[in-house]
Amino acid sequence: MKRKQWASWGPGEQPEQHYLIEPRALAGGGDIRHVSEYLRASGWRDRSKKDGPLALESPDRTVRISYDPYIQPGGWAIRGAARGHQAEWWATLGRQTPVEIVAGLTDALTQPPSAHAPNVWAPLKEQRWQLQSEGRHYTATSRDGSAWLHFRQDTTGDALWWSGAGDPRGSGWSAQFAPTTPMHLVAAFSAALASPEPVMRPRGRVPHTAKIRTTSVSVLPSQLSAWQQARITAARAATWARSWNANRPRTAPRPHASAGGTRARARR
């Protein structure tokens, strides 16, 4: 285990021990506010009942997200209503899915899809995951074998994606996506899953597995708060920018005479 200490501490604050964990897929669930506060800052409505599971609804009411750790198997459930050419869809992610990976998908719900065709496999290839194919079935496995992404296609052409991570002791998580789940969302999940960036967990929240690498860091509460606030501020700024672009008045370009016409009027 490595140890790292921040250079400057503010007056009156006591540092807290946290751990940077690699690979992120085995870091455990984490603080669900990483997901929920970003969505709230992006204009999502909180539909949670008192003392009940988390429930959020998109501004256009077409997508609902819930997190319930008290049922079996529990975890995240995301459902999208049919809209235009998009059929109804769903995704489920186990409660031990790291919130940073969940956020890869849920953050993408707040953004318009890219004009480019999504490539689910690209971020996995960039991180040198092992890709195998068997007919119309594909599997990508992380270099240490702890995480995977599967694609299966049945005889009718319907595709099913599922993913997960675990260690030899059996602890871990799994995620599934409906055949109709928009591909840019699956690609966003894939990018977050493949990211080599470690994630942070407080002392006492580090999984007991030999498959992870940890670096001990001393962090001030004000630093944690600032990092969380930066994410929320970014969500609000992006939401405001989209709203302004959608609502700004469209003005027709002003007609202007050619240079030749201007000179002709001047001669008169």
C-alpha atoms as a PDB file:
ATOM      1  CA  MET A   1       0.000   0.000   0.000  1.00  0.00           C
ATOM      2  CA  LYS A   2       1.325   3.420  -0.941  1.00  0.00           C
ATOM      3  CA  ARG A   3       0.842   6.542   1.150  1.00  0.00           C
ATOM      4  CA  LYS A   4       0.494  10.129  -0.028  1.00  0.00           C
ATOM      5  CA  GLN A   5      -0.105  13.389   1.845  1.00  0.00           C
ATOM      6  CA  TRP A   6      -1.417  16.697   0.537  1.00  0.00           C
ATOM      7  CA  ALA A   7       1.062  19.568   0.904  1.00  0.00           C
ATOM      8  CA  SER A   8      -1.148  22.165   2.584  1.00  0.00           C
ATOM      9  CA  TRP A   9      -3.889  21.868   5.168  1.00  0.00           C
ATOM     10  CA  GLY A  10      -6.223  24.658   6.160  1.00  0.00           C
ATOM     11  CA  PRO A  11      -6.321  26.003   9.714  1.00  0.00           C
ATOM     12  CA  GLY A  12      -8.588  24.121  12.086  1.00  0.00           C
ATOM     13  CA  GLU A  13      -9.154  21.197   9.727  1.00  0.00           C
ATOM     14  CA  GLN A  14      -8.146  17.637  10.398  1.00  0.00           C
ATOM     15  CA  PRO A  15      -7.184  15.459   7.440  1.00  0.00           C
ATOM     16  CA  GLU A  16      -9.102  12.251   6.867  1.00  0.00           C
ATOM     17  CA  GLN A  17      -7.658   9.044   5.501  1.00  0.00           C
ATOM     18  CA  HIS A  18      -8.945   7.907   2.132  1.00  0.00           C
ATOM     19  CA  TYR A  19      -7.741   5.429  -0.436  1.00  0.00           C
ATOM     20  CA  LEU A  20      -7.322   5.614  -4.187  1.00  0.00           C
ATOM     21  CA  ILE A  21      -8.410   2.250  -5.588  1.00  0.00           C
ATOM     22  CA  GLU A  22      -7.439   0.515  -8.818  1.00  0.00           C
ATOM     23  CA  PRO A  23      -9.038  -1.017 -10.769  1.00  0.00           C
ATOM     24  CA  ARG A  24     -12.108   1.115 -10.279  1.00  0.00           C
ATOM     25  CA  ALA A  25     -14.469  -1.725 -11.161  1.00  0.00           C
ATOM     26  CA  LEU A  26     -13.664  -3.399  -7.822  1.00  0.00           C
ATOM     27  CA  ALA A  27     -13.886  -0.284  -5.641  1.00  0.00           C
ATOM     28  CA  GLY A  28     -17.386  -0.994  -4.279  1.00  0.00           C
ATOM     29  CA  GLY A  29     -20.505   1.118  -4.608  1.00  0.00           C
ATOM     30  CA  GLY A  30     -19.422   4.431  -3.093  1.00  0.00           C
ATOM     31  CA  ASP A  31     -21.522   7.495  -2.268  1.00  0.00           C
ATOM     32  CA  ILE A  32     -24.686   7.597  -4.404  1.00  0.00           C
ATOM     33  CA  ARG A  33     -24.704  11.398  -4.154  1.00  0.00           C
ATOM     34  CA  HIS A  34     -22.022  11.325  -6.851  1.00  0.00           C
ATOM     35  CA  VAL A  35     -24.873  10.337  -9.177  1.00  0.00           C
ATOM     36  CA  SER A  36     -27.921  11.962  -7.584  1.00  0.00           C
ATOM     37  CA  GLU A  37     -26.522  15.457  -6.942  1.00  0.00           C
ATOM     38  CA  TYR A  38     -25.288  15.771 -10.512  1.00  0.00           C
ATOM     39  CA  LEU A  39     -28.739  14.856 -11.823  1.00  0.00           C
ATOM     40  CA  ARG A  40     -30.469  17.293  -9.455  1.00  0.00           C
ATOM     41  CA  ALA A  41     -28.100  20.039 -10.612  1.00  0.00           C
ATOM     42  CA  SER A  42     -29.033  19.113 -14.183  1.00  0.00           C
ATOM     43  CA  GLY A  43     -32.717  19.789 -13.522  1.00  0.00           C
ATOM     44  CA  TRP A  44     -33.910  16.295 -12.614  1.00  0.00           C
ATOM     45  CA  ARG A  45     -36.831  16.077 -10.168  1.00  0.00           C
ATOM     46  CA  ASP A  46     -36.537  14.203  -6.900  1.00  0.00           C
ATOM     47  CA  ARG A  47     -39.465  11.760  -6.650  1.00  0.00           C
ATOM     48  CA  SER A  48     -38.158   9.944  -3.568  1.00  0.00           C
ATOM     49  CA  LYS A  49     -40.618   9.180  -0.803  1.00  0.00           C
ATOM     50  CA  LYS A  50     -39.743   9.894   2.803  1.00  0.00           C
ATOM     51  CA  ASP A  51     -37.482   7.138   4.154  1.00  0.00           C
ATOM     52  CA  GLY A  52     -37.819   5.378   0.797  1.00  0.00           C
ATOM     53  CA  PRO A  53     -35.370   4.559  -1.981  1.00  0.00           C
ATOM     54  CA  LEU A  54     -33.897   7.244  -4.212  1.00  0.00           C
ATOM     55  CA  ALA A  55     -36.107   8.102  -7.189  1.00  0.00           C
ATOM     56  CA  LEU A  56     -35.311  10.742  -9.806  1.00  0.00           C
ATOM     57  CA  GLU A  57     -37.143  11.810 -12.956  1.00  0.00           C
ATOM     58  CA  SER A  58     -35.742  13.593 -16.017  1.00  0.00           C
ATOM     59  CA  PRO A  59     -37.011  17.107 -16.829  1.00  0.00           C
ATOM     60  CA  ASP A  60     -39.018  15.764 -19.790  1.00  0.00           C
ATOM     61  CA  ARG A  61     -40.387  12.907 -17.628  1.00  0.00           C
ATOM     62  CA  THR A  62     -39.209  10.227 -20.054  1.00  0.00           C
ATOM     63  CA  VAL A  63     -36.536   8.641 -17.844  1.00  0.00           C
ATOM     64  CA  ARG A  64     -36.723   7.498 -14.229  1.00  0.00           C
ATOM     65  CA  ILE A  65     -33.811   6.354 -12.084  1.00  0.00           C
ATOM     66  CA  SER A  66     -34.123   4.553  -8.770  1.00  0.00           C
ATOM     67  CA  TYR A  67     -31.660   3.152  -6.286  1.00  0.00           C
ATOM     68  CA  ASP A  68     -32.847   0.665  -3.676  1.00  0.00           C
ATOM     69  CA  PRO A  69     -30.261  -1.171  -1.546  1.00  0.00           C
ATOM     70  CA  TYR A  70     -32.861  -2.862   0.658  1.00  0.00           C
ATOM     71  CA  ILE A  71     -34.335  -5.333  -1.805  1.00  0.00           C
ATOM     72  CA  GLN A  72     -32.725  -8.326  -3.498  1.00  0.00           C
ATOM     73  CA  PRO A  73     -30.718  -8.053  -5.612  1.00  0.00           C
ATOM     74  CA  GLY A  74     -31.091  -4.276  -5.157  1.00  0.00           C
ATOM     75  CA  GLY A  75     -29.171  -1.514  -6.833  1.00  0.00           C
ATOM     76  CA  TRP A  76     -29.869   0.865  -9.712  1.00  0.00           C
ATOM     77  CA  ALA A  77     -32.834   0.650 -12.087  1.00  0.00           C
ATOM     78  CA  ILE A  78     -33.106   3.024 -15.054  1.00  0.00           C
ATOM     79  CA  ARG A  79     -36.150   3.082 -17.320  1.00  0.00           C
ATOM     80  CA  GLY A  80     -36.758   5.136 -20.424  1.00  0.00           C
ATOM     81  CA  ALA A  81     -40.179   5.651 -22.005  1.00  0.00           C
ATOM     82  CA  ALA A  82     -40.824   5.222 -25.712  1.00  0.00           C
ATOM     83  CA  ARG A  83     -40.353   8.474 -27.582  1.00  0.00           C
ATOM     84  CA  GLY A  84     -40.373   9.019 -31.335  1.00  0.00           C
ATOM     85  CA  HIS A  85     -38.238   6.352 -32.964  1.00  0.00           C
ATOM     86  CA  GLN A  86     -36.815   5.309 -29.582  1.00  0.00           C
ATOM     87  CA  ALA A  87     -38.515   2.271 -28.069  1.00  0.00           C
ATOM     88  CA  GLU A  88     -38.957   1.784 -24.334  1.00  0.00           C
ATOM     89  CA  TRP A  89     -35.699   0.700 -22.707  1.00  0.00           C
ATOM     90  CA  TRP A  90     -34.152  -0.184 -19.357  1.00  0.00           C
ATOM     91  CA  ALA A  91     -30.842  -0.822 -17.593  1.00  0.00           C
ATOM     92  CA  THR A  92     -30.083  -2.378 -14.215  1.00  0.00           C
ATOM     93  CA  LEU A  93     -26.840  -2.119 -12.250  1.00  0.00           C
ATOM     94  CA  GLY A  94     -26.050  -3.957  -9.015  1.00  0.00           C
ATOM     95  CA  ARG A  95     -25.676  -2.019  -5.787  1.00  0.00           C
ATOM     96  CA  GLN A  96     -21.901  -2.638  -5.693  1.00  0.00           C
ATOM     97  CA  THR A  97     -21.438  -1.032  -9.093  1.00  0.00           C
ATOM     98  CA  PRO A  98     -19.054   1.886  -8.428  1.00  0.00           C
ATOM     99  CA  VAL A  99     -20.938   5.175  -8.580  1.00  0.00           C
ATOM    100  CA  GLU A 100     -18.287   6.551 -10.940  1.00  0.00           C
ATOM    101  CA  ILE A 101     -19.215   3.867 -13.469  1.00  0.00           C
ATOM    102  CA  VAL A 102     -22.951   4.390 -12.914  1.00  0.00           C
ATOM    103  CA  ALA A 103     -22.365   8.104 -13.501  1.00  0.00           C
ATOM    104  CA  GLY A 104     -20.811   7.345 -16.869  1.00  0.00           C
ATOM    105  CA  LEU A 105     -24.292   6.266 -17.945  1.00  0.00           C
ATOM    106  CA  THR A 106     -26.427   8.688 -15.944  1.00  0.00           C
ATOM    107  CA  ASP A 107     -24.343  11.772 -16.800  1.00  0.00           C
ATOM    108  CA  ALA A 108     -24.849  10.901 -20.472  1.00  0.00           C
ATOM    109  CA  LEU A 109     -28.620  11.077 -19.923  1.00  0.00           C
ATOM    110  CA  THR A 110     -28.265  14.825 -19.301  1.00  0.00           C
ATOM    111  CA  GLN A 111     -26.433  15.459 -22.581  1.00  0.00           C
ATOM    112  CA  PRO A 112     -27.528  15.296 -26.220  1.00  0.00           C
ATOM    113  CA  PRO A 113     -26.077  12.277 -28.043  1.00  0.00           C
ATOM    114  CA  SER A 114     -23.104  12.832 -30.296  1.00  0.00           C
ATOM    115  CA  ALA A 115     -23.631  13.103 -34.038  1.00  0.00           C
ATOM    116  CA  HIS A 116     -21.034  10.345 -34.471  1.00  0.00           C
ATOM    117  CA  ALA A 117     -22.019   6.685 -34.263  1.00  0.00           C
ATOM    118  CA  PRO A 118     -21.125   5.372 -30.777  1.00  0.00           C
ATOM    119  CA  ASN A 119     -18.417   2.705 -30.547  1.00  0.00           C
ATOM    120  CA  VAL A 120     -18.891   0.651 -27.394  1.00  0.00           C
ATOM    121  CA  TRP A 121     -15.642  -1.286 -27.869  1.00  0.00           C
ATOM    122  CA  ALA A 122     -13.296   1.651 -28.566  1.00  0.00           C
ATOM    123  CA  PRO A 123     -12.502   2.622 -24.937  1.00  0.00           C
ATOM    124  CA  LEU A 124     -11.927  -1.041 -24.056  1.00  0.00           C
ATOM    125  CA  LYS A 125      -9.500  -1.491 -26.933  1.00  0.00           C
ATOM    126  CA  GLU A 126      -7.667   1.680 -25.895  1.00  0.00           C
ATOM    127  CA  GLN A 127      -7.060   0.126 -22.463  1.00  0.00           C
ATOM    128  CA  ARG A 128      -5.940  -3.137 -24.081  1.00  0.00           C
ATOM    129  CA  TRP A 129      -8.847  -5.255 -22.918  1.00  0.00           C
ATOM    130  CA  GLN A 130      -8.926  -8.698 -24.517  1.00  0.00           C
ATOM    131  CA  LEU A 131     -11.631  -9.037 -27.162  1.00  0.00           C
ATOM    132  CA  GLN A 132     -12.993 -12.420 -28.232  1.00  0.00           C
ATOM    133  CA  SER A 133     -15.698 -13.264 -30.747  1.00  0.00           C
ATOM    134  CA  GLU A 134     -17.827 -16.331 -31.229  1.00  0.00           C
ATOM    135  CA  GLY A 135     -20.155 -15.900 -34.154  1.00  0.00           C
ATOM    136  CA  ARG A 136     -22.342 -12.924 -33.351  1.00  0.00           C
ATOM    137  CA  HIS A 137     -21.273 -12.942 -29.706  1.00  0.00           C
ATOM    138  CA  TYR A 138     -18.468 -10.728 -28.385  1.00  0.00           C
ATOM    139  CA  THR A 139     -16.700 -10.499 -25.039  1.00  0.00           C
ATOM    140  CA  ALA A 140     -14.173  -7.955 -23.740  1.00  0.00           C
ATOM    141  CA  THR A 141     -12.224  -8.767 -20.580  1.00  0.00           C
ATOM    142  CA  SER A 142      -9.940  -6.465 -18.614  1.00  0.00           C
ATOM    143  CA  ARG A 143      -6.244  -7.345 -18.548  1.00  0.00           C
ATOM    144  CA  ASP A 144      -6.465  -8.641 -14.968  1.00  0.00           C
ATOM    145  CA  GLY A 145      -9.654 -10.585 -15.698  1.00  0.00           C
ATOM    146  CA  SER A 146     -11.653  -8.752 -13.026  1.00  0.00           C
ATOM    147  CA  ALA A 147     -14.163  -6.965 -15.310  1.00  0.00           C
ATOM    148  CA  TRP A 148     -15.955  -7.815 -18.517  1.00  0.00           C
ATOM    149  CA  LEU A 149     -18.490  -6.672 -21.081  1.00  0.00           C
ATOM    150  CA  HIS A 150     -20.539  -9.169 -23.100  1.00  0.00           C
ATOM    151  CA  PHE A 151     -22.618  -8.738 -26.235  1.00  0.00           C
ATOM    152  CA  ARG A 152     -25.058 -11.419 -27.338  1.00  0.00           C
ATOM    153  CA  GLN A 153     -27.401 -11.479 -30.300  1.00  0.00           C
ATOM    154  CA  ASP A 154     -30.239 -13.957 -30.603  1.00  0.00           C
ATOM    155  CA  THR A 155     -31.709 -15.461 -33.751  1.00  0.00           C
ATOM    156  CA  THR A 156     -34.188 -12.592 -34.103  1.00  0.00           C
ATOM    157  CA  GLY A 157     -31.400 -10.035 -34.127  1.00  0.00           C
ATOM    158  CA  ASP A 158     -32.121  -8.623 -30.676  1.00  0.00           C
ATOM    159  CA  ALA A 159     -28.952  -7.622 -28.868  1.00  0.00           C
ATOM    160  CA  LEU A 160     -28.293  -7.909 -25.161  1.00  0.00           C
ATOM    161  CA  TRP A 161     -25.424  -6.257 -23.333  1.00  0.00           C
ATOM    162  CA  TRP A 162     -24.320  -7.196 -19.862  1.00  0.00           C
ATOM    163  CA  SER A 163     -21.294  -6.397 -17.806  1.00  0.00           C
ATOM    164  CA  GLY A 164     -19.794  -6.910 -14.398  1.00  0.00           C
ATOM    165  CA  ALA A 165     -16.764  -7.297 -12.196  1.00  0.00           C
ATOM    166  CA  GLY A 166     -15.727  -9.633  -9.414  1.00  0.00           C
ATOM    167  CA  ASP A 167     -12.939 -11.432  -7.635  1.00  0.00           C
ATOM    168  CA  PRO A 168     -12.348 -15.146  -6.997  1.00  0.00           C
ATOM    169  CA  ARG A 169     -14.277 -14.872  -3.726  1.00  0.00           C
ATOM    170  CA  GLY A 170     -17.432 -14.073  -5.678  1.00  0.00           C
ATOM    171  CA  SER A 171     -17.963 -10.487  -4.535  1.00  0.00           C
ATOM    172  CA  GLY A 172     -18.767  -7.987  -7.232  1.00  0.00           C
ATOM    173  CA  TRP A 173     -21.608  -6.659  -9.355  1.00  0.00           C
ATOM    174  CA  SER A 174     -23.372  -7.067 -12.677  1.00  0.00           C
ATOM    175  CA  ALA A 175     -25.241  -4.798 -15.070  1.00  0.00           C
ATOM    176  CA  GLN A 176     -27.677  -5.490 -17.913  1.00  0.00           C
ATOM    177  CA  PHE A 177     -29.058  -3.375 -20.729  1.00  0.00           C
ATOM    178  CA  ALA A 178     -32.208  -3.934 -22.761  1.00  0.00           C
ATOM    179  CA  PRO A 179     -31.820  -4.567 -26.502  1.00  0.00           C
ATOM    180  CA  THR A 180     -33.429  -1.149 -27.046  1.00  0.00           C
ATOM    181  CA  THR A 181     -31.077   0.810 -24.754  1.00  0.00           C
ATOM    182  CA  PRO A 182     -29.615   3.701 -26.805  1.00  0.00           C
ATOM    183  CA  MET A 183     -26.092   2.824 -27.915  1.00  0.00           C
ATOM    184  CA  HIS A 184     -24.601   6.131 -26.834  1.00  0.00           C
ATOM    185  CA  LEU A 185     -25.575   5.252 -23.259  1.00  0.00           C
ATOM    186  CA  VAL A 186     -23.952   1.818 -23.449  1.00  0.00           C
ATOM    187  CA  ALA A 187     -20.853   3.474 -24.919  1.00  0.00           C
ATOM    188  CA  ALA A 188     -20.767   6.012 -22.069  1.00  0.00           C
ATOM    189  CA  PHE A 189     -20.971   3.155 -19.568  1.00  0.00           C
ATOM    190  CA  SER A 190     -18.190   1.321 -21.403  1.00  0.00           C
ATOM    191  CA  ALA A 191     -15.926   4.380 -21.281  1.00  0.00           C
ATOM    192  CA  ALA A 192     -16.446   4.765 -17.529  1.00  0.00           C
ATOM    193  CA  LEU A 193     -15.861   1.041 -16.991  1.00  0.00           C
ATOM    194  CA  ALA A 194     -12.604   1.064 -18.954  1.00  0.00           C
ATOM    195  CA  SER A 195     -11.214   4.279 -17.464  1.00  0.00           C
ATOM    196  CA  PRO A 196      -7.813   3.703 -15.821  1.00  0.00           C
ATOM    197  CA  GLU A 197      -8.403   6.542 -13.341  1.00  0.00           C
ATOM    198  CA  PRO A 198      -8.571   5.299  -9.724  1.00  0.00           C
ATOM    199  CA  VAL A 199     -11.537   6.179  -7.538  1.00  0.00           C
ATOM    200  CA  MET A 200     -11.490   7.313  -3.924  1.00  0.00           C
ATOM    201  CA  ARG A 201     -13.058   5.593  -0.935  1.00  0.00           C
ATOM    202  CA  PRO A 202     -12.899   6.547   2.754  1.00  0.00           C
ATOM    203  CA  ARG A 203     -11.284   4.354   5.370  1.00  0.00           C
ATOM    204  CA  GLY A 204     -13.583   1.501   6.270  1.00  0.00           C
ATOM    205  CA  ARG A 205     -15.105   1.410   2.766  1.00  0.00           C
ATOM    206  CA  VAL A 206     -12.278  -0.371   0.983  1.00  0.00           C
ATOM    207  CA  PRO A 207     -13.287  -3.825  -0.343  1.00  0.00           C
ATOM    208  CA  HIS A 208     -11.479  -6.842   1.106  1.00  0.00           C
ATOM    209  CA  THR A 209      -9.932  -8.315  -2.006  1.00  0.00           C
ATOM    210  CA  ALA A 210      -6.373  -8.944  -3.125  1.00  0.00           C
ATOM    211  CA  LYS A 211      -7.335  -7.880  -6.670  1.00  0.00           C
ATOM    212  CA  ILE A 212      -7.161  -4.148  -5.909  1.00  0.00           C
ATOM    213  CA  ARG A 213      -4.246  -1.754  -5.509  1.00  0.00           C
ATOM    214  CA  THR A 214      -4.613   1.043  -2.971  1.00  0.00           C
ATOM    215  CA  THR A 215      -2.836   4.319  -2.326  1.00  0.00           C
ATOM    216  CA  SER A 216      -3.425   5.979   1.036  1.00  0.00           C
ATOM    217  CA  VAL A 217      -4.090   9.729   0.898  1.00  0.00           C
ATOM    218  CA  SER A 218      -4.833  12.328   3.580  1.00  0.00           C
ATOM    219  CA  VAL A 219      -7.663  14.605   2.431  1.00  0.00           C
ATOM    220  CA  LEU A 220      -9.261  17.624   4.057  1.00  0.00           C
ATOM    221  CA  PRO A 221     -13.066  17.783   4.362  1.00  0.00           C
ATOM    222  CA  SER A 222     -12.939  21.135   2.531  1.00  0.00           C
ATOM    223  CA  GLN A 223     -11.125  19.482  -0.373  1.00  0.00           C
ATOM    224  CA  LEU A 224     -13.752  16.762  -0.644  1.00  0.00           C
ATOM    225  CA  SER A 225     -16.495  19.394  -0.529  1.00  0.00           C
ATOM    226  CA  ALA A 226     -14.763  21.483  -3.213  1.00  0.00           C
ATOM    227  CA  TRP A 227     -14.415  18.500  -5.552  1.00  0.00           C
ATOM    228  CA  GLN A 228     -18.074  17.602  -5.105  1.00  0.00           C
ATOM    229  CA  GLN A 229     -19.148  21.205  -5.630  1.00  0.00           C
ATOM    230  CA  ALA A 230     -17.073  21.476  -8.811  1.00  0.00           C
ATOM    231  CA  ARG A 231     -19.004  18.561 -10.307  1.00  0.00           C
ATOM    232  CA  ILE A 232     -22.341  20.133  -9.341  1.00  0.00           C
ATOM    233  CA  THR A 233     -21.294  23.519 -10.725  1.00  0.00           C
ATOM    234  CA  ALA A 234     -20.293  21.907 -14.013  1.00  0.00           C
ATOM    235  CA  ALA A 235     -23.725  20.253 -14.266  1.00  0.00           C
ATOM    236  CA  ARG A 236     -25.522  23.547 -13.628  1.00  0.00           C
ATOM    237  CA  ALA A 237     -23.380  25.391 -16.168  1.00  0.00           C
ATOM    238  CA  ALA A 238     -23.990  22.772 -18.852  1.00  0.00           C
ATOM    239  CA  THR A 239     -27.735  22.805 -18.144  1.00  0.00           C
ATOM    240  CA  TRP A 240     -27.867  26.602 -18.340  1.00  0.00           C
ATOM    241  CA  ALA A 241     -25.927  26.601 -21.615  1.00  0.00           C
ATOM    242  CA  ARG A 242     -28.275  24.079 -23.213  1.00  0.00           C
ATOM    243  CA  SER A 243     -31.317  26.001 -22.029  1.00  0.00           C
ATOM    244  CA  TRP A 244     -29.958  29.296 -23.332  1.00  0.00           C
ATOM    245  CA  ASN A 245     -29.109  27.819 -26.729  1.00  0.00           C
ATOM    246  CA  ALA A 246     -32.560  26.233 -26.985  1.00  0.00           C
ATOM    247  CA  ASN A 247     -34.470  29.398 -26.037  1.00  0.00           C
ATOM    248  CA  ARG A 248     -32.437  32.211 -27.581  1.00  0.00           C
ATOM    249  CA  PRO A 249     -34.247  34.076 -30.365  1.00  0.00           C
ATOM    250  CA  ARG A 250     -33.417  33.109 -33.905  1.00  0.00           C
ATOM    251  CA  THR A 251     -32.756  36.214 -35.991  1.00  0.00           C
ATOM    252  CA  ALA A 252     -32.575  36.264 -39.754  1.00  0.00           C
ATOM    253  CA  PRO A 253     -29.261  37.457 -41.214  1.00  0.00           C
ATOM    254  CA  ARG A 254     -29.262  41.135 -42.198  1.00  0.00           C
ATOM    255  CA  PRO A 255     -29.304  41.635 -45.972  1.00  0.00           C
ATOM    256  CA  HIS A 256     -26.329  43.513 -47.293  1.00  0.00           C
ATOM    257  CA  ALA A 257     -25.550  44.900 -50.720  1.00  0.00           C
ATOM    258  CA  SER A 258     -22.641  43.731 -52.758  1.00  0.00           C
ATOM    259  CA  ALA A 259     -19.602  45.933 -53.078  1.00  0.00           C
ATOM    260  CA  GLY A 260     -20.498  46.698 -56.670  1.00  0.00           C
ATOM    261  CA  GLY A 261     -23.999  47.859 -55.731  1.00  0.00           C
ATOM    262  CA  THR A 262     -22.634  50.154 -53.033  1.00  0.00           C
ATOM    263  CA  ARG A 263     -20.276  51.831 -55.455  1.00  0.00           C
ATOM    264  CA  ALA A 264     -23.077  52.297 -57.993  1.00  0.00           C
ATOM    265  CA  ARG A 265     -25.242  54.124 -55.424  1.00  0.00           C
ATOM    266  CA  ALA A 266     -22.290  56.294 -54.460  1.00  0.00           C
ATOM    267  CA  ARG A 267     -21.804  57.429 -58.050  1.00  0.00           C
ATOM    268  CA  ARG A 268     -25.391  58.557 -58.207  1.00  0.00           C
END
